[in-house]
Amino acid sequence: MEELKRIWERVQGDLADEISAVSFDTWIKPIEAVSIDDTKIILKVPFAVNKNMIMTKYFSLIESSLESVTSHKFDIDVVVDEKSREIENVDPITVENTLNPKYTFSSFVVGNNNDIAYVASLALAERPADAAKNSNPLFLYGGSGLGKTHLMQAIGNYFIENYPTKKVLYTTSEKFTYELVNAIQKKTNQDFRNKYRHVDLLLIDDVQFFAGKERAQEEFFHTFNALFEADKLIVLTSDRLPSEIPQLEERLVGRFNSGLLADVQPPDFETRMAILKNKIQSEYLTVDDEIVEFIADSIKSNVRDLEGAVKRILVYAGIKRTNEISMDLATEALRDILSVQPRRAITTKLVIDEVERYYSLSKGSLVSKKRSADIALPRQIAMYICREILDDPSFPKIGEAFGGRDHTTVLHNVRKISSDIDTDAEVAKAVREIISNIKKG
């Protein structure tokens, strides 16, 4: 037993250097090493919640540290103290949470499309007292599969790890409604209210599904008020702004708008590349950048589809019994997915916006009557690009989009840039990069 005590003290010393003091004191310090043999070590924890945290977050750290200390790989068995189990007052809120332990801030890929939502979520997690006063509720909105649930659950996981005495409840608006109906039928309304109104952090996913459900909206309105007045935190997600949710009571729209609204947009090309590389690394794959770029350029919809593409390639490689991920294999694996990817509509407005952005011009410059040199060349380039990549590139329609200019003006400008591309490297480079930016989305 003395040898086991010495080993475990060294393991704990290693772990203390790897994680925060709060996390160590909360989750690692209570662990007791109770037995060891040639193949297995048994660790005992006081409560089921401790075991859950060890298994989902710290197991690999303990395993690697133990192997480092002993130069031997052990099977690790984590058991709950039977005496504690008998007296443990199981909190149904803790047991009911279905937070995905993989949804953390460190595993979230930040880009221009989601940086405000990320910063707001992290600030709420790290400084909950400030958030209760300044940004409560936090309302994350955007299309499906863009990372709203990831950020919401990252907040919940951060609370569970760093504020273990805080009560966290994650649910969806649909489940909230279902439980309310069940409570009304069974006459357990007060139990329902106690569950939702006595938490420190309430996470409600997809609140757009409250639309048209009058009784659920009534109940959630009072739940919201009870938590808000007690300085408890509320985080909500939706696929649209509060004001755009149909059949949502004005008083709820007002409550949702009263905090901090942060949108999550589809990822740009660079962020899509980062998401793919992150996912590829987590799957222990090696994929050439050319193939990663191909996927990022082909799938622009959302994060979920990008990660699904990597999984599909992995499965397809398994079917083909190969470890080599080639371009041909990737194309074949994603054939069905790519065929249903929405094609981005390229319009004159899209071209004009991209050219103005490229040349750092104020919005509307290219359609104005101005003829200064700093605007004339970008305008000519924009007209040329419209002619090259629009589905309907007629000269009259292009002229109309540029402030009602005559089609002969458009024709002249297109011919000029076509000639300049052959003689002016800067113009050729600008045209090439702008078209690439437009197609990448």
Protein backbone atom coordinates (compact mmCIF):
# COMPACT_ATOMS: atom_id res chain seq x y z
CA MET A 1 0.00 0.00 0.00
CA GLU A 2 2.88 2.36 0.66
CA GLU A 3 4.11 1.82 -2.89
CA LEU A 4 0.64 2.55 -4.23
CA LYS A 5 0.44 5.72 -2.12
CA ARG A 6 3.81 6.87 -3.46
CA ILE A 7 2.79 6.20 -7.07
CA TRP A 8 -0.51 8.03 -6.72
CA GLU A 9 1.10 11.04 -5.04
CA ARG A 10 3.48 11.35 -8.01
CA VAL A 11 0.57 11.05 -10.46
CA GLN A 12 -1.35 13.76 -8.60
CA GLY A 13 1.76 15.93 -8.68
CA ASP A 14 1.94 15.57 -12.46
CA LEU A 15 -1.75 16.35 -12.86
CA ALA A 16 -1.49 19.45 -10.66
CA ASP A 17 0.90 20.90 -13.23
CA GLU A 18 -1.45 20.10 -16.13
CA ILE A 19 -4.79 21.53 -15.00
CA SER A 20 -6.09 24.53 -13.06
CA ALA A 21 -5.97 24.57 -9.27
CA VAL A 22 -9.77 24.72 -9.07
CA SER A 23 -10.18 21.70 -11.34
CA PHE A 24 -7.49 19.77 -9.47
CA ASP A 25 -9.05 20.44 -6.06
CA THR A 26 -12.53 19.63 -7.30
CA TRP A 27 -11.96 16.49 -9.39
CA ILE A 28 -8.47 15.01 -8.82
CA LYS A 29 -7.78 15.60 -5.14
CA PRO A 30 -10.80 13.55 -3.93
CA ILE A 31 -9.62 10.45 -5.85
CA GLU A 32 -8.30 7.63 -3.68
CA ALA A 33 -6.09 4.88 -5.12
CA VAL A 34 -7.34 1.72 -3.37
CA SER A 35 -5.55 -1.18 -5.03
CA ILE A 36 -3.06 -2.15 -7.71
CA ASP A 37 -1.79 -5.34 -9.30
CA ASP A 38 0.25 -6.19 -12.37
CA THR A 39 -2.46 -5.14 -14.81
CA LYS A 40 -5.01 -2.93 -13.08
CA ILE A 41 -5.34 -0.03 -10.66
CA ILE A 42 -8.61 0.80 -8.90
CA LEU A 43 -9.45 4.42 -8.11
CA LYS A 44 -12.30 5.43 -5.82
CA VAL A 45 -14.29 8.67 -6.04
CA PRO A 46 -16.92 10.01 -3.63
CA PHE A 47 -19.85 10.55 -6.01
CA ALA A 48 -21.16 9.53 -9.42
CA VAL A 49 -20.68 13.06 -10.76
CA ASN A 50 -16.96 12.77 -9.95
CA LYS A 51 -16.72 9.50 -11.88
CA ASN A 52 -18.50 11.02 -14.85
CA MET A 53 -16.08 13.96 -14.98
CA ILE A 54 -13.03 11.68 -14.62
CA MET A 55 -14.20 9.36 -17.39
CA THR A 56 -15.14 12.11 -19.84
CA LYS A 57 -12.41 14.69 -19.25
CA TYR A 58 -9.44 13.47 -17.20
CA PHE A 59 -9.17 9.75 -17.92
CA SER A 60 -6.52 10.02 -20.66
CA LEU A 61 -4.45 12.43 -18.54
CA ILE A 62 -4.50 10.03 -15.59
CA GLU A 63 -3.70 7.08 -17.84
CA SER A 64 -0.68 8.75 -19.47
CA SER A 65 0.64 10.14 -16.17
CA LEU A 66 0.36 6.74 -14.50
CA GLU A 67 2.27 5.13 -17.37
CA SER A 68 4.93 7.84 -17.16
CA VAL A 69 5.41 7.36 -13.40
CA THR A 70 5.47 3.53 -13.44
CA SER A 71 6.79 2.82 -16.97
CA HIS A 72 3.90 0.38 -17.22
CA LYS A 73 0.44 0.58 -18.83
CA PHE A 74 -2.40 -0.21 -16.42
CA ASP A 75 -6.10 -0.74 -16.92
CA ILE A 76 -7.89 1.85 -14.77
CA ASP A 77 -11.14 1.10 -12.98
CA VAL A 78 -12.98 4.05 -11.41
CA VAL A 79 -15.52 3.11 -8.73
CA VAL A 80 -17.90 5.16 -6.60
CA ASP A 81 -17.61 4.91 -2.81
CA GLU A 82 -20.51 2.70 -1.69
CA LYS A 83 -20.94 4.59 1.60
CA SER A 84 -21.21 7.86 -0.23
CA ARG A 85 -23.60 6.31 -2.77
CA GLU A 86 -26.01 5.42 0.03
CA ILE A 87 -26.19 8.95 1.39
CA GLU A 88 -25.69 10.83 -1.86
CA ASN A 89 -28.50 13.27 -2.50
CA VAL A 90 -28.73 12.86 -6.25
CA ASP A 91 -29.66 16.13 -7.92
CA PRO A 92 -31.97 15.37 -10.84
CA ILE A 93 -30.64 18.44 -12.63
CA THR A 94 -27.10 17.10 -12.62
CA VAL A 95 -28.17 13.64 -13.70
CA GLU A 96 -30.44 14.96 -16.46
CA ASN A 97 -27.89 17.15 -18.19
CA THR A 98 -26.84 15.82 -21.58
CA LEU A 99 -23.90 18.10 -22.22
CA ASN A 100 -21.43 16.71 -24.74
CA PRO A 101 -17.99 16.74 -23.06
CA LYS A 102 -16.37 17.34 -26.47
CA TYR A 103 -18.08 20.73 -26.72
CA THR A 104 -15.48 22.97 -25.10
CA PHE A 105 -14.04 26.38 -25.87
CA SER A 106 -10.69 24.81 -26.77
CA SER A 107 -12.30 22.58 -29.43
CA PHE A 108 -14.24 25.47 -31.03
CA VAL A 109 -12.68 26.90 -34.20
CA VAL A 110 -12.90 30.71 -34.13
CA GLY A 111 -13.20 32.75 -37.32
CA ASN A 112 -14.57 36.04 -38.57
CA ASN A 113 -17.98 34.40 -38.80
CA ASN A 114 -18.30 33.59 -35.10
CA ASP A 115 -15.70 35.58 -33.14
CA ILE A 116 -18.21 37.87 -31.40
CA ALA A 117 -20.36 34.92 -30.28
CA TYR A 118 -17.23 33.10 -29.06
CA VAL A 119 -15.90 36.07 -27.09
CA ALA A 120 -19.32 36.73 -25.53
CA SER A 121 -19.72 33.07 -24.53
CA LEU A 122 -16.23 32.84 -23.05
CA ALA A 123 -16.69 36.11 -21.14
CA LEU A 124 -19.94 34.83 -19.64
CA ALA A 125 -18.25 31.59 -18.54
CA GLU A 126 -15.18 33.28 -17.07
CA ARG A 127 -16.96 36.26 -15.46
CA PRO A 128 -20.50 35.13 -14.63
CA ALA A 129 -21.13 37.94 -12.12
CA ASP A 130 -20.38 40.61 -14.74
CA ALA A 131 -22.46 38.77 -17.31
CA ALA A 132 -25.46 38.64 -14.98
CA LYS A 133 -25.43 42.44 -14.87
CA ASN A 134 -24.42 43.32 -18.44
CA SER A 135 -25.24 40.57 -20.93
CA ASN A 136 -28.07 38.48 -19.53
CA PRO A 137 -29.54 36.72 -21.42
CA LEU A 138 -26.93 35.77 -24.00
CA PHE A 139 -28.83 35.09 -27.23
CA LEU A 140 -26.88 33.19 -29.91
CA TYR A 141 -28.52 33.06 -33.32
CA GLY A 142 -27.70 31.74 -36.79
CA GLY A 143 -28.40 28.88 -39.19
CA SER A 144 -28.33 25.19 -38.40
CA GLY A 145 -24.98 23.46 -37.90
CA LEU A 146 -22.89 26.61 -37.40
CA GLY A 147 -21.79 26.02 -33.79
CA LYS A 148 -24.42 27.66 -31.56
CA THR A 149 -25.02 24.48 -29.55
CA HIS A 150 -21.26 23.92 -29.29
CA LEU A 151 -20.77 27.36 -27.71
CA MET A 152 -23.79 26.97 -25.42
CA GLN A 153 -22.62 23.59 -24.14
CA ALA A 154 -19.05 24.87 -23.82
CA ILE A 155 -20.41 27.39 -21.31
CA GLY A 156 -22.17 24.59 -19.44
CA ASN A 157 -19.09 22.36 -19.40
CA TYR A 158 -16.94 25.26 -18.20
CA PHE A 159 -19.35 25.86 -15.29
CA ILE A 160 -19.44 22.20 -14.30
CA GLU A 161 -15.65 22.01 -14.26
CA ASN A 162 -14.84 25.34 -12.64
CA TYR A 163 -17.90 26.04 -10.47
CA PRO A 164 -18.90 22.57 -9.25
CA THR A 165 -21.38 23.92 -6.69
CA LYS A 166 -23.38 25.75 -9.40
CA LYS A 167 -26.47 24.08 -10.82
CA VAL A 168 -26.48 23.89 -14.60
CA LEU A 169 -29.46 22.82 -16.69
CA TYR A 170 -29.33 22.28 -20.46
CA THR A 171 -32.46 21.50 -22.44
CA THR A 172 -34.33 22.41 -25.61
CA SER A 173 -37.51 24.42 -26.00
CA GLU A 174 -39.24 21.27 -27.29
CA LYS A 175 -38.30 19.29 -24.19
CA PHE A 176 -39.31 22.20 -21.94
CA THR A 177 -42.73 22.21 -23.63
CA TYR A 178 -43.11 18.43 -23.39
CA GLU A 179 -42.23 18.45 -19.67
CA LEU A 180 -44.71 21.28 -19.07
CA VAL A 181 -47.53 19.31 -20.74
CA ASN A 182 -46.58 16.27 -18.68
CA ALA A 183 -46.55 18.35 -15.47
CA ILE A 184 -50.01 19.75 -16.23
CA GLN A 185 -51.39 16.25 -16.86
CA LYS A 186 -49.90 14.86 -13.65
CA LYS A 187 -50.56 18.01 -11.62
CA THR A 188 -46.84 18.40 -10.80
CA ASN A 189 -46.54 22.02 -11.93
CA GLN A 190 -44.68 23.07 -8.80
CA ASP A 191 -42.04 20.36 -9.25
CA PHE A 192 -41.59 21.53 -12.82
CA ARG A 193 -41.13 25.14 -11.69
CA ASN A 194 -38.73 24.18 -8.91
CA LYS A 195 -36.60 22.33 -11.42
CA TYR A 196 -36.24 25.22 -13.85
CA ARG A 197 -36.28 28.16 -11.45
CA HIS A 198 -33.64 26.97 -8.98
CA VAL A 199 -30.59 26.80 -11.21
CA ASP A 200 -27.57 29.05 -11.61
CA LEU A 201 -27.27 28.62 -15.37
CA LEU A 202 -30.15 27.77 -17.69
CA LEU A 203 -29.29 26.78 -21.27
CA ILE A 204 -32.24 26.58 -23.68
CA ASP A 205 -31.53 25.43 -27.23
CA ASP A 206 -33.67 26.28 -30.30
CA VAL A 207 -36.10 28.73 -28.69
CA GLN A 208 -37.71 29.32 -32.10
CA PHE A 209 -39.80 26.21 -31.35
CA PHE A 210 -41.66 28.17 -28.67
CA ALA A 211 -43.45 29.82 -31.61
CA GLY A 212 -47.22 29.39 -31.36
CA LYS A 213 -47.07 27.47 -28.04
CA GLU A 214 -48.91 29.94 -25.80
CA ARG A 215 -48.83 27.96 -22.53
CA ALA A 216 -45.12 27.16 -22.91
CA GLN A 217 -44.36 30.83 -23.62
CA GLU A 218 -46.34 31.87 -20.54
CA GLU A 219 -44.45 29.43 -18.34
CA PHE A 220 -41.05 30.31 -19.78
CA PHE A 221 -41.75 34.03 -19.36
CA HIS A 222 -42.20 33.55 -15.62
CA THR A 223 -39.21 31.19 -15.44
CA PHE A 224 -37.09 33.78 -17.23
CA ASN A 225 -38.18 36.53 -14.84
CA ALA A 226 -37.53 34.41 -11.75
CA LEU A 227 -33.99 33.63 -12.85
CA PHE A 228 -33.24 37.12 -14.15
CA GLU A 229 -34.37 38.80 -10.94
CA ALA A 230 -32.19 36.41 -8.93
CA ASP A 231 -29.12 37.29 -11.09
CA LYS A 232 -29.00 33.79 -12.52
CA LEU A 233 -27.64 33.33 -16.03
CA ILE A 234 -29.67 32.45 -19.12
CA VAL A 235 -28.25 31.42 -22.50
CA LEU A 236 -30.55 30.92 -25.49
CA THR A 237 -30.03 29.81 -29.10
CA SER A 238 -32.23 30.31 -32.13
CA ASP A 239 -32.00 30.09 -35.90
CA ARG A 240 -33.12 33.72 -36.17
CA LEU A 241 -33.40 37.00 -34.26
CA PRO A 242 -36.08 37.24 -31.54
CA SER A 243 -38.09 39.73 -33.60
CA GLU A 244 -38.13 37.29 -36.53
CA ILE A 245 -39.59 34.34 -34.59
CA PRO A 246 -43.25 34.06 -35.67
CA GLN A 247 -46.01 33.92 -33.06
CA LEU A 248 -43.63 34.80 -30.23
CA GLU A 249 -45.16 37.08 -27.60
CA GLU A 250 -43.86 40.63 -27.59
CA ARG A 251 -42.93 40.41 -23.93
CA LEU A 252 -40.64 37.45 -24.67
CA VAL A 253 -39.15 39.24 -27.67
CA GLY A 254 -38.41 42.13 -25.33
CA ARG A 255 -36.79 39.86 -22.74
CA PHE A 256 -34.64 38.14 -25.36
CA ASN A 257 -33.56 41.47 -26.84
CA SER A 258 -32.67 42.92 -23.44
CA GLY A 259 -29.36 41.07 -23.16
CA LEU A 260 -26.55 40.46 -25.64
CA LEU A 261 -27.36 39.21 -29.13
CA ALA A 262 -24.52 37.53 -31.04
CA ASP A 263 -24.83 35.96 -34.45
CA VAL A 264 -23.01 32.96 -35.89
CA GLN A 265 -22.58 33.08 -39.67
CA PRO A 266 -21.49 30.40 -42.16
CA PRO A 267 -17.70 29.96 -42.02
CA ASP A 268 -15.50 31.68 -44.60
CA PHE A 269 -12.91 29.74 -46.59
CA GLU A 270 -10.08 30.17 -44.06
CA THR A 271 -12.31 29.10 -41.17
CA ARG A 272 -13.56 26.10 -43.15
CA MET A 273 -9.93 25.09 -43.69
CA ALA A 274 -9.20 25.40 -39.96
CA ILE A 275 -12.31 23.39 -39.04
CA LEU A 276 -11.34 20.61 -41.43
CA LYS A 277 -7.74 20.45 -40.21
CA ASN A 278 -8.94 20.36 -36.61
CA LYS A 279 -11.32 17.49 -37.38
CA ILE A 280 -8.72 15.61 -39.43
CA GLN A 281 -6.22 15.89 -36.58
CA SER A 282 -8.78 14.60 -34.06
CA GLU A 283 -9.34 11.53 -36.28
CA TYR A 284 -5.56 10.90 -36.52
CA LEU A 285 -5.66 11.25 -40.31
CA THR A 286 -3.03 12.63 -42.65
CA VAL A 287 -4.56 14.47 -45.59
CA ASP A 288 -2.78 16.65 -48.15
CA ASP A 289 -3.63 20.35 -48.09
CA GLU A 290 -4.82 20.08 -51.70
CA ILE A 291 -7.60 17.72 -50.60
CA VAL A 292 -8.49 19.87 -47.58
CA GLU A 293 -8.79 22.89 -49.88
CA PHE A 294 -10.98 20.86 -52.24
CA ILE A 295 -13.40 20.01 -49.40
CA ALA A 296 -13.38 23.57 -48.03
CA ASP A 297 -14.05 24.98 -51.48
CA SER A 298 -16.83 22.47 -52.18
CA ILE A 299 -18.75 22.53 -48.88
CA LYS A 300 -19.72 26.03 -47.75
CA SER A 301 -22.94 25.35 -45.86
CA ASN A 302 -22.02 24.71 -42.22
CA VAL A 303 -19.65 23.14 -39.71
CA ARG A 304 -21.71 19.98 -39.38
CA ASP A 305 -21.42 19.21 -43.09
CA LEU A 306 -17.67 19.83 -43.04
CA GLU A 307 -17.12 17.43 -40.14
CA GLY A 308 -19.47 14.93 -41.78
CA ALA A 309 -17.33 15.04 -44.92
CA VAL A 310 -14.23 14.01 -42.95
CA LYS A 311 -16.12 11.13 -41.32
CA ARG A 312 -17.42 10.01 -44.71
CA ILE A 313 -13.90 9.95 -46.17
CA LEU A 314 -12.68 7.96 -43.15
CA VAL A 315 -15.45 5.36 -43.57
CA TYR A 316 -14.87 5.17 -47.32
CA ALA A 317 -11.15 4.61 -46.79
CA GLY A 318 -12.03 1.78 -44.41
CA ILE A 319 -14.30 0.18 -47.00
CA LYS A 320 -11.52 0.45 -49.58
CA ARG A 321 -9.03 -0.90 -47.01
CA THR A 322 -6.53 1.85 -47.55
CA ASN A 323 -4.74 4.37 -45.34
CA GLU A 324 -3.96 6.65 -48.27
CA ILE A 325 -6.43 9.51 -48.69
CA SER A 326 -6.08 10.51 -52.34
CA MET A 327 -7.98 13.17 -54.27
CA ASP A 328 -9.77 10.42 -56.22
CA LEU A 329 -10.86 8.73 -52.99
CA ALA A 330 -12.06 12.01 -51.46
CA THR A 331 -14.01 12.91 -54.60
CA GLU A 332 -15.63 9.49 -54.74
CA ALA A 333 -16.48 9.48 -51.02
CA LEU A 334 -18.11 12.92 -51.21
CA ARG A 335 -19.84 12.47 -54.56
CA ASP A 336 -23.35 12.32 -53.12
CA ILE A 337 -22.74 15.18 -50.68
CA LEU A 338 -21.28 17.49 -53.31
CA SER A 339 -24.17 16.88 -55.68
CA VAL A 340 -26.64 18.38 -53.19
CA GLN A 341 -24.53 21.30 -51.96
CA PRO A 342 -26.40 24.56 -52.57
CA ARG A 343 -24.81 26.55 -55.37
CA ARG A 344 -24.03 30.10 -54.34
CA ALA A 345 -25.89 32.57 -56.54
CA ILE A 346 -23.41 35.05 -58.03
CA THR A 347 -25.08 38.39 -58.67
CA THR A 348 -23.93 41.84 -59.76
CA LYS A 349 -24.40 43.00 -56.18
CA LEU A 350 -22.11 40.24 -54.94
CA VAL A 351 -19.43 41.23 -57.47
CA ILE A 352 -19.76 44.95 -56.65
CA ASP A 353 -19.53 44.28 -52.89
CA GLU A 354 -16.41 42.12 -53.33
CA VAL A 355 -14.64 44.66 -55.57
CA GLU A 356 -15.44 47.49 -53.14
CA ARG A 357 -14.09 45.37 -50.29
CA TYR A 358 -10.95 44.46 -52.25
CA TYR A 359 -10.15 48.12 -52.99
CA SER A 360 -11.32 49.38 -49.55
CA LEU A 361 -13.98 51.59 -51.11
CA SER A 362 -17.05 52.79 -49.28
CA LYS A 363 -20.26 50.90 -49.99
CA GLY A 364 -22.03 52.20 -53.10
CA SER A 365 -18.94 53.79 -54.63
CA LEU A 366 -19.05 51.74 -57.83
CA VAL A 367 -22.69 52.54 -58.61
CA SER A 368 -22.30 56.25 -57.87
CA LYS A 369 -21.74 58.97 -60.49
CA LYS A 370 -18.17 59.55 -59.32
CA ARG A 371 -15.48 59.24 -62.00
CA SER A 372 -12.29 59.73 -59.97
CA ALA A 373 -9.35 57.46 -60.83
CA ASP A 374 -9.56 55.53 -57.55
CA ILE A 375 -13.11 54.46 -58.47
CA ALA A 376 -12.95 54.28 -62.28
CA LEU A 377 -10.56 51.32 -62.50
CA PRO A 378 -12.33 49.18 -59.84
CA ARG A 379 -15.65 49.92 -61.59
CA GLN A 380 -14.22 48.75 -64.92
CA ILE A 381 -12.85 45.60 -63.27
CA ALA A 382 -16.21 44.90 -61.63
CA MET A 383 -17.99 45.19 -64.98
CA TYR A 384 -15.44 42.86 -66.58
CA ILE A 385 -15.89 40.25 -63.80
CA CYS A 386 -19.68 40.46 -64.13
CA ARG A 387 -19.35 39.73 -67.82
CA GLU A 388 -17.06 36.76 -67.06
CA ILE A 389 -18.91 34.96 -64.27
CA LEU A 390 -22.59 35.95 -64.17
CA ASP A 391 -25.19 33.48 -65.39
CA ASP A 392 -26.87 36.25 -67.38
CA PRO A 393 -24.02 38.62 -68.35
CA SER A 394 -25.81 40.88 -70.84
CA PHE A 395 -24.33 44.37 -71.24
CA PRO A 396 -27.66 46.18 -70.62
CA LYS A 397 -28.30 44.32 -67.35
CA ILE A 398 -24.77 44.99 -66.11
CA GLY A 399 -25.12 48.67 -66.99
CA GLU A 400 -28.42 48.88 -65.12
CA ALA A 401 -26.82 47.39 -61.98
CA PHE A 402 -24.05 50.04 -62.11
CA GLY A 403 -26.32 53.03 -61.65
CA GLY A 404 -28.13 52.86 -64.99
CA ARG A 405 -25.09 53.17 -67.26
CA ASP A 406 -25.42 52.67 -71.01
CA HIS A 407 -24.54 49.24 -72.39
CA THR A 408 -21.92 50.80 -74.70
CA THR A 409 -20.07 52.06 -71.59
CA VAL A 410 -20.05 48.55 -70.18
CA LEU A 411 -18.79 47.14 -73.49
CA HIS A 412 -15.95 49.69 -73.60
CA ASN A 413 -14.89 48.95 -69.99
CA VAL A 414 -14.98 45.18 -70.48
CA ARG A 415 -12.80 45.43 -73.59
CA LYS A 416 -10.36 47.74 -71.81
CA ILE A 417 -9.85 45.37 -68.86
CA SER A 418 -9.62 42.37 -71.19
CA SER A 419 -6.73 44.14 -72.91
CA ASP A 420 -5.15 45.35 -69.65
CA ILE A 421 -5.03 41.79 -68.26
CA ASP A 422 -2.53 40.89 -70.98
CA THR A 423 -0.30 43.91 -70.34
CA ASP A 424 -0.75 44.93 -66.69
CA ALA A 425 0.25 42.37 -64.05
CA GLU A 426 -1.46 44.29 -61.24
CA VAL A 427 -4.81 44.34 -63.03
CA ALA A 428 -4.49 40.64 -63.89
CA LYS A 429 -3.69 39.82 -60.25
CA ALA A 430 -6.64 41.87 -58.96
CA VAL A 431 -9.11 40.19 -61.33
CA ARG A 432 -7.81 36.73 -60.46
CA GLU A 433 -7.96 37.30 -56.69
CA ILE A 434 -11.41 38.92 -56.72
CA ILE A 435 -12.91 36.08 -58.77
CA SER A 436 -11.29 33.56 -56.41
CA ASN A 437 -12.72 35.37 -53.37
CA ILE A 438 -16.19 35.40 -54.89
CA LYS A 439 -16.14 31.68 -55.69
CA LYS A 440 -14.76 30.74 -52.29
CA GLY A 441 -17.60 32.54 -50.57
